[in-house]
Amino acid sequence: MIFFVNSSDKVTRYQVNFSLGEDVRIQCDCPAGMFGKICKHKLGLLRGDFSFLADPNQSDSLRECINRLDSSDILKVLEELDAYERQLLEIKKICEVKRKSLEKLFQGK
C-alpha cells in the first residue's frame, strides 16, 4: 500500500510504501528514507499517527496495515523503542537539572 505524507514544510509530499508480503518492507522517498533510515514518516505511520497522512481518506488503509503487522515483531520492537525514547527524555531532563546545579556551584550560589 502506498501512503502520501506531508513533509515538515507542509508543502512537499513524500510517498511511503508498505509492502506486507512474507517480508515486511517499508520505504519512504524522503531524504532520510532514501538512505534506508527509519525516518519520522515511517515511524509516524507505524505508530498510527494519522496526522502524517496527506490524504485523511487513507486512514482506514493505514489502520488495516497496522492490524496486519500485529502478528509481527515490528510493533513489539516499536513499543520498546518508544519506551526507551521516553526514558531518554527523562534522563535528558535530569542531566539538564544537574548542569544547572553545576553552573550555580561554579557561580558560588
PDB file of N, CA and C in Angstrom:
ATOM      1  N   MET A   1       0.836  -1.174   0.000  1.00  0.00           N
ATOM      2  CA  MET A   1       0.000   0.000   0.000  1.00  0.00           C
ATOM      3  C   MET A   1       0.884   1.241   0.000  1.00  0.00           C
ATOM      4  N   ILE A   2       0.436   2.236  -0.705  1.00  0.00           N
ATOM      5  CA  ILE A   2       1.177   3.484  -0.797  1.00  0.00           C
ATOM      6  C   ILE A   2       0.421   4.570  -0.047  1.00  0.00           C
ATOM      7  N   PHE A   3       1.179   5.290   0.800  1.00  0.00           N
ATOM      8  CA  PHE A   3       0.621   6.404   1.555  1.00  0.00           C
ATOM      9  C   PHE A   3       1.381   7.669   1.188  1.00  0.00           C
ATOM     10  N   PHE A   4       0.667   8.758   1.150  1.00  0.00           N
ATOM     11  CA  PHE A   4       1.294  10.048   0.904  1.00  0.00           C
ATOM     12  C   PHE A   4       1.303  10.815   2.211  1.00  0.00           C
ATOM     13  N   VAL A   5       2.488  11.310   2.577  1.00  0.00           N
ATOM     14  CA  VAL A   5       2.654  12.020   3.844  1.00  0.00           C
ATOM     15  C   VAL A   5       3.182  13.419   3.582  1.00  0.00           C
ATOM     16  N   ASN A   6       2.869  14.315   4.493  1.00  0.00           N
ATOM     17  CA  ASN A   6       3.366  15.683   4.393  1.00  0.00           C
ATOM     18  C   ASN A   6       4.766  15.772   4.981  1.00  0.00           C
ATOM     19  N   SER A   7       5.571  16.629   4.376  1.00  0.00           N
ATOM     20  CA  SER A   7       6.884  16.906   4.935  1.00  0.00           C
ATOM     21  C   SER A   7       6.735  17.953   6.026  1.00  0.00           C
ATOM     22  N   SER A   8       7.826  18.292   6.661  1.00  0.00           N
ATOM     23  CA  SER A   8       7.798  19.308   7.725  1.00  0.00           C
ATOM     24  C   SER A   8       7.337  20.660   7.209  1.00  0.00           C
ATOM     25  N   ASP A   9       7.664  20.954   5.932  1.00  0.00           N
ATOM     26  CA  ASP A   9       7.277  22.262   5.383  1.00  0.00           C
ATOM     27  C   ASP A   9       5.811  22.316   4.958  1.00  0.00           C
ATOM     28  N   LYS A  10       5.113  21.184   5.068  1.00  0.00           N
ATOM     29  CA  LYS A  10       3.679  21.070   4.728  1.00  0.00           C
ATOM     30  C   LYS A  10       3.393  21.340   3.244  1.00  0.00           C
ATOM     31  N   VAL A  11       4.436  21.423   2.435  1.00  0.00           N
ATOM     32  CA  VAL A  11       4.266  21.652   1.003  1.00  0.00           C
ATOM     33  C   VAL A  11       4.660  20.393   0.232  1.00  0.00           C
ATOM     34  N   THR A  12       5.846  19.898   0.548  1.00  0.00           N
ATOM     35  CA  THR A  12       6.363  18.702  -0.109  1.00  0.00           C
ATOM     36  C   THR A  12       5.636  17.479   0.431  1.00  0.00           C
ATOM     37  N   ARG A  13       5.376  16.560  -0.462  1.00  0.00           N
ATOM     38  CA  ARG A  13       4.772  15.282  -0.046  1.00  0.00           C
ATOM     39  C   ARG A  13       5.727  14.157  -0.374  1.00  0.00           C
ATOM     40  N   TYR A  14       5.760  13.195   0.533  1.00  0.00           N
ATOM     41  CA  TYR A  14       6.578  12.012   0.329  1.00  0.00           C
ATOM     42  C   TYR A  14       5.669  10.803   0.203  1.00  0.00           C
ATOM     43  N   GLN A  15       6.235   9.776  -0.368  1.00  0.00           N
ATOM     44  CA  GLN A  15       5.499   8.539  -0.574  1.00  0.00           C
ATOM     45  C   GLN A  15       6.094   7.462   0.325  1.00  0.00           C
ATOM     46  N   VAL A  16       5.240   6.838   1.120  1.00  0.00           N
ATOM     47  CA  VAL A  16       5.665   5.738   1.975  1.00  0.00           C
ATOM     48  C   VAL A  16       4.965   4.487   1.465  1.00  0.00           C
ATOM     49  N   ASN A  17       5.763   3.482   1.155  1.00  0.00           N
ATOM     50  CA  ASN A  17       5.245   2.249   0.576  1.00  0.00           C
ATOM     51  C   ASN A  17       5.366   1.119   1.601  1.00  0.00           C
ATOM     52  N   PHE A  18       4.229   0.573   1.993  1.00  0.00           N
ATOM     53  CA  PHE A  18       4.177  -0.595   2.874  1.00  0.00           C
ATOM     54  C   PHE A  18       4.045  -1.823   1.988  1.00  0.00           C
ATOM     55  N   SER A  19       4.983  -2.728   2.085  1.00  0.00           N
ATOM     56  CA  SER A  19       4.904  -3.992   1.376  1.00  0.00           C
ATOM     57  C   SER A  19       4.773  -5.084   2.435  1.00  0.00           C
ATOM     58  N   LEU A  20       3.594  -5.675   2.516  1.00  0.00           N
ATOM     59  CA  LEU A  20       3.286  -6.590   3.610  1.00  0.00           C
ATOM     60  C   LEU A  20       3.151  -8.023   3.124  1.00  0.00           C
ATOM     61  N   GLY A  21       4.152  -8.480   2.439  1.00  0.00           N
ATOM     62  CA  GLY A  21       4.158  -9.872   1.996  1.00  0.00           C
ATOM     63  C   GLY A  21       4.782 -10.746   3.065  1.00  0.00           C
ATOM     64  N   GLU A  22       5.508 -11.769   2.624  1.00  0.00           N
ATOM     65  CA  GLU A  22       6.207 -12.647   3.561  1.00  0.00           C
ATOM     66  C   GLU A  22       7.208 -11.844   4.401  1.00  0.00           C
ATOM     67  N   ASP A  23       7.913 -10.941   3.739  1.00  0.00           N
ATOM     68  CA  ASP A  23       8.791  -9.993   4.423  1.00  0.00           C
ATOM     69  C   ASP A  23       8.108  -8.637   4.423  1.00  0.00           C
ATOM     70  N   VAL A  24       8.215  -7.945   5.529  1.00  0.00           N
ATOM     71  CA  VAL A  24       7.632  -6.613   5.625  1.00  0.00           C
ATOM     72  C   VAL A  24       8.683  -5.606   5.195  1.00  0.00           C
ATOM     73  N   ARG A  25       8.287  -4.718   4.290  1.00  0.00           N
ATOM     74  CA  ARG A  25       9.171  -3.649   3.818  1.00  0.00           C
ATOM     75  C   ARG A  25       8.404  -2.340   3.914  1.00  0.00           C
ATOM     76  N   ILE A  26       9.088  -1.329   4.422  1.00  0.00           N
ATOM     77  CA  ILE A  26       8.503  -0.002   4.462  1.00  0.00           C
ATOM     78  C   ILE A  26       9.548   0.954   3.907  1.00  0.00           C
ATOM     79  N   GLN A  27       9.186   1.634   2.841  1.00  0.00           N
ATOM     80  CA  GLN A  27      10.117   2.552   2.186  1.00  0.00           C
ATOM     81  C   GLN A  27       9.489   3.939   2.108  1.00  0.00           C
ATOM     82  N   CYS A  28      10.337   4.949   2.270  1.00  0.00           N
ATOM     83  CA  CYS A  28       9.896   6.333   2.146  1.00  0.00           C
ATOM     84  C   CYS A  28      10.854   7.040   1.203  1.00  0.00           C
ATOM     85  N   ASP A  29      10.322   7.925   0.384  1.00  0.00           N
ATOM     86  CA  ASP A  29      11.193   8.617  -0.565  1.00  0.00           C
ATOM     87  C   ASP A  29      11.677   9.985  -0.056  1.00  0.00           C
ATOM     88  N   CYS A  30      11.591  10.201   1.267  1.00  0.00           N
ATOM     89  CA  CYS A  30      12.181  11.419   1.844  1.00  0.00           C
ATOM     90  C   CYS A  30      13.703  11.243   1.850  1.00  0.00           C
ATOM     91  N   PRO A  31      14.464  12.319   2.074  1.00  0.00           N
ATOM     92  CA  PRO A  31      15.929  12.188   2.056  1.00  0.00           C
ATOM     93  C   PRO A  31      16.463  11.119   3.015  1.00  0.00           C
ATOM     94  N   ALA A  32      15.953  11.048   4.241  1.00  0.00           N
ATOM     95  CA  ALA A  32      16.434  10.024   5.182  1.00  0.00           C
ATOM     96  C   ALA A  32      16.024   8.631   4.721  1.00  0.00           C
ATOM     97  N   GLY A  33      14.782   8.516   4.278  1.00  0.00           N
ATOM     98  CA  GLY A  33      14.274   7.227   3.823  1.00  0.00           C
ATOM     99  C   GLY A  33      15.013   6.686   2.612  1.00  0.00           C
ATOM    100  N   MET A  34      15.465   7.583   1.752  1.00  0.00           N
ATOM    101  CA  MET A  34      16.203   7.165   0.556  1.00  0.00           C
ATOM    102  C   MET A  34      17.518   6.474   0.930  1.00  0.00           C
ATOM    103  N   PHE A  35      18.027   6.787   2.125  1.00  0.00           N
ATOM    104  CA  PHE A  35      19.249   6.152   2.599  1.00  0.00           C
ATOM    105  C   PHE A  35      18.949   4.958   3.498  1.00  0.00           C
ATOM    106  N   GLY A  36      17.682   4.534   3.527  1.00  0.00           N
ATOM    107  CA  GLY A  36      17.301   3.357   4.300  1.00  0.00           C
ATOM    108  C   GLY A  36      17.121   3.609   5.784  1.00  0.00           C
ATOM    109  N   LYS A  37      17.097   4.864   6.185  1.00  0.00           N
ATOM    110  CA  LYS A  37      16.923   5.204   7.602  1.00  0.00           C
ATOM    111  C   LYS A  37      15.458   5.045   8.009  1.00  0.00           C
ATOM    112  N   ILE A  38      15.251   4.859   9.291  1.00  0.00           N
ATOM    113  CA  ILE A  38      13.888   4.831   9.829  1.00  0.00           C
ATOM    114  C   ILE A  38      13.497   6.284  10.056  1.00  0.00           C
ATOM    115  N   CYS A  39      12.867   6.868   9.079  1.00  0.00           N
ATOM    116  CA  CYS A  39      12.515   8.288   9.132  1.00  0.00           C
ATOM    117  C   CYS A  39      11.267   8.512   9.973  1.00  0.00           C
ATOM    118  N   LYS A  40      11.010   9.780  10.275  1.00  0.00           N
ATOM    119  CA  LYS A  40       9.848  10.116  11.101  1.00  0.00           C
ATOM    120  C   LYS A  40       8.540   9.779  10.400  1.00  0.00           C
ATOM    121  N   HIS A  41       8.546   9.725   9.072  1.00  0.00           N
ATOM    122  CA  HIS A  41       7.325   9.392   8.332  1.00  0.00           C
ATOM    123  C   HIS A  41       6.961   7.922   8.528  1.00  0.00           C
ATOM    124  N   LYS A  42       7.963   7.055   8.434  1.00  0.00           N
ATOM    125  CA  LYS A  42       7.725   5.626   8.666  1.00  0.00           C
ATOM    126  C   LYS A  42       7.256   5.402  10.101  1.00  0.00           C
ATOM    127  N   LEU A  43       7.985   6.008  11.040  1.00  0.00           N
ATOM    128  CA  LEU A  43       7.624   5.835  12.451  1.00  0.00           C
ATOM    129  C   LEU A  43       6.232   6.387  12.735  1.00  0.00           C
ATOM    130  N   GLY A  44       5.937   7.550  12.177  1.00  0.00           N
ATOM    131  CA  GLY A  44       4.621   8.149  12.401  1.00  0.00           C
ATOM    132  C   GLY A  44       3.497   7.240  11.938  1.00  0.00           C
ATOM    133  N   LEU A  45       3.659   6.685  10.742  1.00  0.00           N
ATOM    134  CA  LEU A  45       2.617   5.790  10.224  1.00  0.00           C
ATOM    135  C   LEU A  45       2.543   4.503  11.030  1.00  0.00           C
ATOM    136  N   LEU A  46       3.700   3.953  11.397  1.00  0.00           N
ATOM    137  CA  LEU A  46       3.695   2.727  12.207  1.00  0.00           C
ATOM    138  C   LEU A  46       3.028   2.945  13.556  1.00  0.00           C
ATOM    139  N   ARG A  47       3.167   4.155  14.079  1.00  0.00           N
ATOM    140  CA  ARG A  47       2.538   4.482  15.365  1.00  0.00           C
ATOM    141  C   ARG A  47       1.058   4.803  15.207  1.00  0.00           C
ATOM    142  N   GLY A  48       0.589   4.819  13.979  1.00  0.00           N
ATOM    143  CA  GLY A  48      -0.829   5.104  13.740  1.00  0.00           C
ATOM    144  C   GLY A  48      -1.164   6.571  13.884  1.00  0.00           C
ATOM    145  N   ASP A  49      -0.186   7.428  13.657  1.00  0.00           N
ATOM    146  CA  ASP A  49      -0.401   8.870  13.746  1.00  0.00           C
ATOM    147  C   ASP A  49      -0.949   9.360  12.402  1.00  0.00           C
ATOM    148  N   PHE A  50      -2.263   9.495  12.346  1.00  0.00           N
ATOM    149  CA  PHE A  50      -2.931   9.851  11.099  1.00  0.00           C
ATOM    150  C   PHE A  50      -2.625  11.275  10.651  1.00  0.00           C
ATOM    151  N   SER A  51      -2.075  12.091  11.534  1.00  0.00           N
ATOM    152  CA  SER A  51      -1.735  13.462  11.149  1.00  0.00           C
ATOM    153  C   SER A  51      -0.611  13.493  10.112  1.00  0.00           C
ATOM    154  N   PHE A  52       0.122  12.403   9.968  1.00  0.00           N
ATOM    155  CA  PHE A  52       1.167  12.332   8.950  1.00  0.00           C
ATOM    156  C   PHE A  52       0.578  12.189   7.545  1.00  0.00           C
ATOM    157  N   LEU A  53      -0.625  11.669   7.464  1.00  0.00           N
ATOM    158  CA  LEU A  53      -1.232  11.415   6.151  1.00  0.00           C
ATOM    159  C   LEU A  53      -1.592  12.713   5.448  1.00  0.00           C
ATOM    160  N   ALA A  54      -1.163  12.827   4.196  1.00  0.00           N
ATOM    161  CA  ALA A  54      -1.543  13.981   3.376  1.00  0.00           C
ATOM    162  C   ALA A  54      -3.004  13.866   2.973  1.00  0.00           C
ATOM    163  N   ASP A  55      -3.485  12.643   2.873  1.00  0.00           N
ATOM    164  CA  ASP A  55      -4.877  12.389   2.496  1.00  0.00           C
ATOM    165  C   ASP A  55      -5.563  11.631   3.636  1.00  0.00           C
ATOM    166  N   PRO A  56      -6.403  12.317   4.415  1.00  0.00           N
ATOM    167  CA  PRO A  56      -7.074  11.654   5.549  1.00  0.00           C
ATOM    168  C   PRO A  56      -7.928  10.465   5.135  1.00  0.00           C
ATOM    169  N   ASN A  57      -8.296  10.388   3.863  1.00  0.00           N
ATOM    170  CA  ASN A  57      -9.086   9.253   3.385  1.00  0.00           C
ATOM    171  C   ASN A  57      -8.299   7.951   3.408  1.00  0.00           C
ATOM    172  N   GLN A  58      -6.980   8.039   3.646  1.00  0.00           N
ATOM    173  CA  GLN A  58      -6.157   6.830   3.718  1.00  0.00           C
ATOM    174  C   GLN A  58      -6.112   6.233   5.132  1.00  0.00           C
ATOM    175  N   SER A  59      -6.841   6.823   6.050  1.00  0.00           N
ATOM    176  CA  SER A  59      -6.815   6.373   7.457  1.00  0.00           C
ATOM    177  C   SER A  59      -7.202   4.902   7.596  1.00  0.00           C
ATOM    178  N   ASP A  60      -8.252   4.488   6.906  1.00  0.00           N
ATOM    179  CA  ASP A  60      -8.684   3.089   7.007  1.00  0.00           C
ATOM    180  C   ASP A  60      -7.621   2.146   6.470  1.00  0.00           C
ATOM    181  N   SER A  61      -6.983   2.522   5.382  1.00  0.00           N
ATOM    182  CA  SER A  61      -5.919   1.686   4.809  1.00  0.00           C
ATOM    183  C   SER A  61      -4.734   1.580   5.763  1.00  0.00           C
ATOM    184  N   LEU A  62      -4.401   2.689   6.408  1.00  0.00           N
ATOM    185  CA  LEU A  62      -3.302   2.660   7.374  1.00  0.00           C
ATOM    186  C   LEU A  62      -3.661   1.760   8.554  1.00  0.00           C
ATOM    187  N   ARG A  63      -4.882   1.877   9.045  1.00  0.00           N
ATOM    188  CA  ARG A  63      -5.343   1.028  10.147  1.00  0.00           C
ATOM    189  C   ARG A  63      -5.223  -0.449   9.749  1.00  0.00           C
ATOM    190  N   GLU A  64      -5.599  -0.755   8.524  1.00  0.00           N
ATOM    191  CA  GLU A  64      -5.513  -2.129   8.022  1.00  0.00           C
ATOM    192  C   GLU A  64      -4.056  -2.612   8.015  1.00  0.00           C
ATOM    193  N   CYS A  65      -3.149  -1.774   7.553  1.00  0.00           N
ATOM    194  CA  CYS A  65      -1.726  -2.143   7.530  1.00  0.00           C
ATOM    195  C   CYS A  65      -1.208  -2.423   8.933  1.00  0.00           C
ATOM    196  N   ILE A  66      -1.529  -1.556   9.867  1.00  0.00           N
ATOM    197  CA  ILE A  66      -1.066  -1.727  11.238  1.00  0.00           C
ATOM    198  C   ILE A  66      -1.644  -3.004  11.842  1.00  0.00           C
ATOM    199  N   ASN A  67      -2.903  -3.278  11.563  1.00  0.00           N
ATOM    200  CA  ASN A  67      -3.521  -4.526  12.053  1.00  0.00           C
ATOM    201  C   ASN A  67      -2.820  -5.756  11.495  1.00  0.00           C
ATOM    202  N   ARG A  68      -2.398  -5.678  10.239  1.00  0.00           N
ATOM    203  CA  ARG A  68      -1.695  -6.813   9.635  1.00  0.00           C
ATOM    204  C   ARG A  68      -0.305  -7.000  10.237  1.00  0.00           C
ATOM    205  N   LEU A  69       0.267  -5.928  10.779  1.00  0.00           N
ATOM    206  CA  LEU A  69       1.582  -6.017  11.418  1.00  0.00           C
ATOM    207  C   LEU A  69       1.502  -6.558  12.838  1.00  0.00           C
ATOM    208  N   ASP A  70       0.299  -6.666  13.359  1.00  0.00           N
ATOM    209  CA  ASP A  70       0.091  -7.081  14.747  1.00  0.00           C
ATOM    210  C   ASP A  70       0.764  -8.401  15.077  1.00  0.00           C
ATOM    211  N   SER A  71       0.836  -9.309  14.135  1.00  0.00           N
ATOM    212  CA  SER A  71       1.419 -10.620  14.399  1.00  0.00           C
ATOM    213  C   SER A  71       2.939 -10.632  14.196  1.00  0.00           C
ATOM    214  N   SER A  72       3.503  -9.499  13.784  1.00  0.00           N
ATOM    215  CA  SER A  72       4.947  -9.451  13.565  1.00  0.00           C
ATOM    216  C   SER A  72       5.641  -8.865  14.791  1.00  0.00           C
ATOM    217  N   ASP A  73       6.957  -8.922  14.788  1.00  0.00           N
ATOM    218  CA  ASP A  73       7.738  -8.348  15.885  1.00  0.00           C
ATOM    219  C   ASP A  73       7.891  -6.836  15.738  1.00  0.00           C
ATOM    220  N   ILE A  74       7.473  -6.284  14.617  1.00  0.00           N
ATOM    221  CA  ILE A  74       7.698  -4.869  14.344  1.00  0.00           C
ATOM    222  C   ILE A  74       7.041  -3.977  15.395  1.00  0.00           C
ATOM    223  N   LEU A  75       5.779  -4.215  15.705  1.00  0.00           N
ATOM    224  CA  LEU A  75       5.091  -3.360  16.666  1.00  0.00           C
ATOM    225  C   LEU A  75       5.654  -3.550  18.075  1.00  0.00           C
ATOM    226  N   LYS A  76       6.093  -4.765  18.392  1.00  0.00           N
ATOM    227  CA  LYS A  76       6.709  -5.017  19.694  1.00  0.00           C
ATOM    228  C   LYS A  76       8.007  -4.217  19.817  1.00  0.00           C
ATOM    229  N   VAL A  77       8.830  -4.259  18.803  1.00  0.00           N
ATOM    230  CA  VAL A  77      10.092  -3.513  18.821  1.00  0.00           C
ATOM    231  C   VAL A  77       9.817  -2.013  18.845  1.00  0.00           C
ATOM    232  N   LEU A  78       8.788  -1.578  18.127  1.00  0.00           N
ATOM    233  CA  LEU A  78       8.416  -0.165  18.125  1.00  0.00           C
ATOM    234  C   LEU A  78       8.000   0.282  19.531  1.00  0.00           C
ATOM    235  N   GLU A  79       7.237  -0.550  20.237  1.00  0.00           N
ATOM    236  CA  GLU A  79       6.849  -0.238  21.615  1.00  0.00           C
ATOM    237  C   GLU A  79       8.078  -0.126  22.509  1.00  0.00           C
ATOM    238  N   GLU A  80       9.033  -1.030  22.318  1.00  0.00           N
ATOM    239  CA  GLU A  80      10.266  -0.978  23.101  1.00  0.00           C
ATOM    240  C   GLU A  80      11.043   0.297  22.788  1.00  0.00           C
ATOM    241  N   LEU A  81      11.127   0.647  21.520  1.00  0.00           N
ATOM    242  CA  LEU A  81      11.808   1.876  21.108  1.00  0.00           C
ATOM    243  C   LEU A  81      11.151   3.085  21.762  1.00  0.00           C
ATOM    244  N   ASP A  82       9.833   3.141  21.719  1.00  0.00           N
ATOM    245  CA  ASP A  82       9.103   4.253  22.330  1.00  0.00           C
ATOM    246  C   ASP A  82       9.406   4.349  23.826  1.00  0.00           C
ATOM    247  N   ALA A  83       9.457   3.201  24.501  1.00  0.00           N
ATOM    248  CA  ALA A  83       9.749   3.197  25.937  1.00  0.00           C
ATOM    249  C   ALA A  83      11.158   3.724  26.199  1.00  0.00           C
ATOM    250  N   TYR A  84      12.120   3.292  25.407  1.00  0.00           N
ATOM    251  CA  TYR A  84      13.494   3.767  25.584  1.00  0.00           C
ATOM    252  C   TYR A  84      13.613   5.256  25.262  1.00  0.00           C
ATOM    253  N   GLU A  85      12.882   5.718  24.255  1.00  0.00           N
ATOM    254  CA  GLU A  85      12.926   7.143  23.924  1.00  0.00           C
ATOM    255  C   GLU A  85      12.328   7.979  25.057  1.00  0.00           C
ATOM    256  N   ARG A  86      11.273   7.478  25.707  1.00  0.00           N
ATOM    257  CA  ARG A  86      10.709   8.180  26.868  1.00  0.00           C
ATOM    258  C   ARG A  86      11.730   8.235  28.005  1.00  0.00           C
ATOM    259  N   GLN A  87      12.413   7.109  28.241  1.00  0.00           N
ATOM    260  CA  GLN A  87      13.448   7.077  29.272  1.00  0.00           C
ATOM    261  C   GLN A  87      14.561   8.066  28.949  1.00  0.00           C
ATOM    262  N   LEU A  88      14.943   8.116  27.696  1.00  0.00           N
ATOM    263  CA  LEU A  88      15.998   9.031  27.263  1.00  0.00           C
ATOM    264  C   LEU A  88      15.607  10.481  27.520  1.00  0.00           C
ATOM    265  N   LEU A  89      14.362  10.831  27.236  1.00  0.00           N
ATOM    266  CA  LEU A  89      13.891  12.190  27.504  1.00  0.00           C
ATOM    267  C   LEU A  89      13.970  12.515  28.993  1.00  0.00           C
ATOM    268  N   GLU A  90      13.580  11.553  29.827  1.00  0.00           N
ATOM    269  CA  GLU A  90      13.653  11.764  31.276  1.00  0.00           C
ATOM    270  C   GLU A  90      15.102  11.950  31.719  1.00  0.00           C
ATOM    271  N   ILE A  91      15.989  11.152  31.178  1.00  0.00           N
ATOM    272  CA  ILE A  91      17.411  11.258  31.530  1.00  0.00           C
ATOM    273  C   ILE A  91      17.959  12.610  31.070  1.00  0.00           C
ATOM    274  N   LYS A  92      17.554  13.071  29.896  1.00  0.00           N
ATOM    275  CA  LYS A  92      18.000  14.383  29.414  1.00  0.00           C
ATOM    276  C   LYS A  92      17.530  15.491  30.353  1.00  0.00           C
ATOM    277  N   LYS A  93      16.303  15.376  30.860  1.00  0.00           N
ATOM    278  CA  LYS A  93      15.795  16.370  31.817  1.00  0.00           C
ATOM    279  C   LYS A  93      16.641  16.375  33.083  1.00  0.00           C
ATOM    280  N   ILE A  94      16.967  15.192  33.576  1.00  0.00           N
ATOM    281  CA  ILE A  94      17.790  15.070  34.778  1.00  0.00           C
ATOM    282  C   ILE A  94      19.171  15.689  34.528  1.00  0.00           C
ATOM    283  N   CYS A  95      19.751  15.402  33.365  1.00  0.00           N
ATOM    284  CA  CYS A  95      21.066  15.958  33.025  1.00  0.00           C
ATOM    285  C   CYS A  95      21.020  17.483  32.990  1.00  0.00           C
ATOM    286  N   GLU A  96      19.962  18.035  32.455  1.00  0.00           N
ATOM    287  CA  GLU A  96      19.838  19.492  32.390  1.00  0.00           C
ATOM    288  C   GLU A  96      19.765  20.093  33.794  1.00  0.00           C
ATOM    289  N   VAL A  97      19.034  19.456  34.684  1.00  0.00           N
ATOM    290  CA  VAL A  97      18.954  19.926  36.077  1.00  0.00           C
ATOM    291  C   VAL A  97      20.337  19.875  36.718  1.00  0.00           C
ATOM    292  N   LYS A  98      21.071  18.798  36.476  1.00  0.00           N
ATOM    293  CA  LYS A  98      22.412  18.656  37.054  1.00  0.00           C
ATOM    294  C   LYS A  98      23.367  19.690  36.473  1.00  0.00           C
ATOM    295  N   ARG A  99      23.258  19.996  35.189  1.00  0.00           N
ATOM    296  CA  ARG A  99      24.092  21.035  34.576  1.00  0.00           C
ATOM    297  C   ARG A  99      23.834  22.391  35.241  1.00  0.00           C
ATOM    298  N   LYS A 100      22.564  22.687  35.441  1.00  0.00           N
ATOM    299  CA  LYS A 100      22.206  23.954  36.091  1.00  0.00           C
ATOM    300  C   LYS A 100      22.726  23.997  37.522  1.00  0.00           C
ATOM    301  N   SER A 101      22.681  22.865  38.209  1.00  0.00           N
ATOM    302  CA  SER A 101      23.214  22.799  39.570  1.00  0.00           C
ATOM    303  C   SER A 101      24.718  23.068  39.566  1.00  0.00           C
ATOM    304  N   LEU A 102      25.416  22.501  38.595  1.00  0.00           N
ATOM    305  CA  LEU A 102      26.861  22.736  38.473  1.00  0.00           C
ATOM    306  C   LEU A 102      27.137  24.212  38.173  1.00  0.00           C
ATOM    307  N   GLU A 103      26.368  24.793  37.284  1.00  0.00           N
ATOM    308  CA  GLU A 103      26.557  26.205  36.967  1.00  0.00           C
ATOM    309  C   GLU A 103      26.407  27.061  38.213  1.00  0.00           C
ATOM    310  N   LYS A 104      25.394  26.762  39.018  1.00  0.00           N
ATOM    311  CA  LYS A 104      25.181  27.522  40.256  1.00  0.00           C
ATOM    312  C   LYS A 104      26.369  27.331  41.216  1.00  0.00           C
ATOM    313  N   LEU A 105      26.866  26.123  41.317  1.00  0.00           N
ATOM    314  CA  LEU A 105      28.006  25.856  42.185  1.00  0.00           C
ATOM    315  C   LEU A 105      29.236  26.626  41.720  1.00  0.00           C
ATOM    316  N   PHE A 106      29.461  26.667  40.416  1.00  0.00           N
ATOM    317  CA  PHE A 106      30.614  27.411  39.886  1.00  0.00           C
ATOM    318  C   PHE A 106      30.466  28.916  40.081  1.00  0.00           C
ATOM    319  N   GLN A 107      29.227  29.361  40.196  1.00  0.00           N
ATOM    320  CA  GLN A 107      28.983  30.785  40.405  1.00  0.00           C
ATOM    321  C   GLN A 107      28.922  31.123  41.891  1.00  0.00           C
ATOM    322  N   GLY A 108      29.150  30.127  42.734  1.00  0.00           N
ATOM    323  CA  GLY A 108      29.144  30.342  44.174  1.00  0.00           C
ATOM    324  C   GLY A 108      27.767  30.521  44.762  1.00  0.00           C
ATOM    325  N   LYS A 109      26.780  29.966  44.139  1.00  0.00           N
ATOM    326  CA  LYS A 109      25.392  30.106  44.651  1.00  0.00           C
ATOM    327  C   LYS A 109      24.933  28.848  45.347  1.00  0.00           C
TER     328      LYS A 109
END
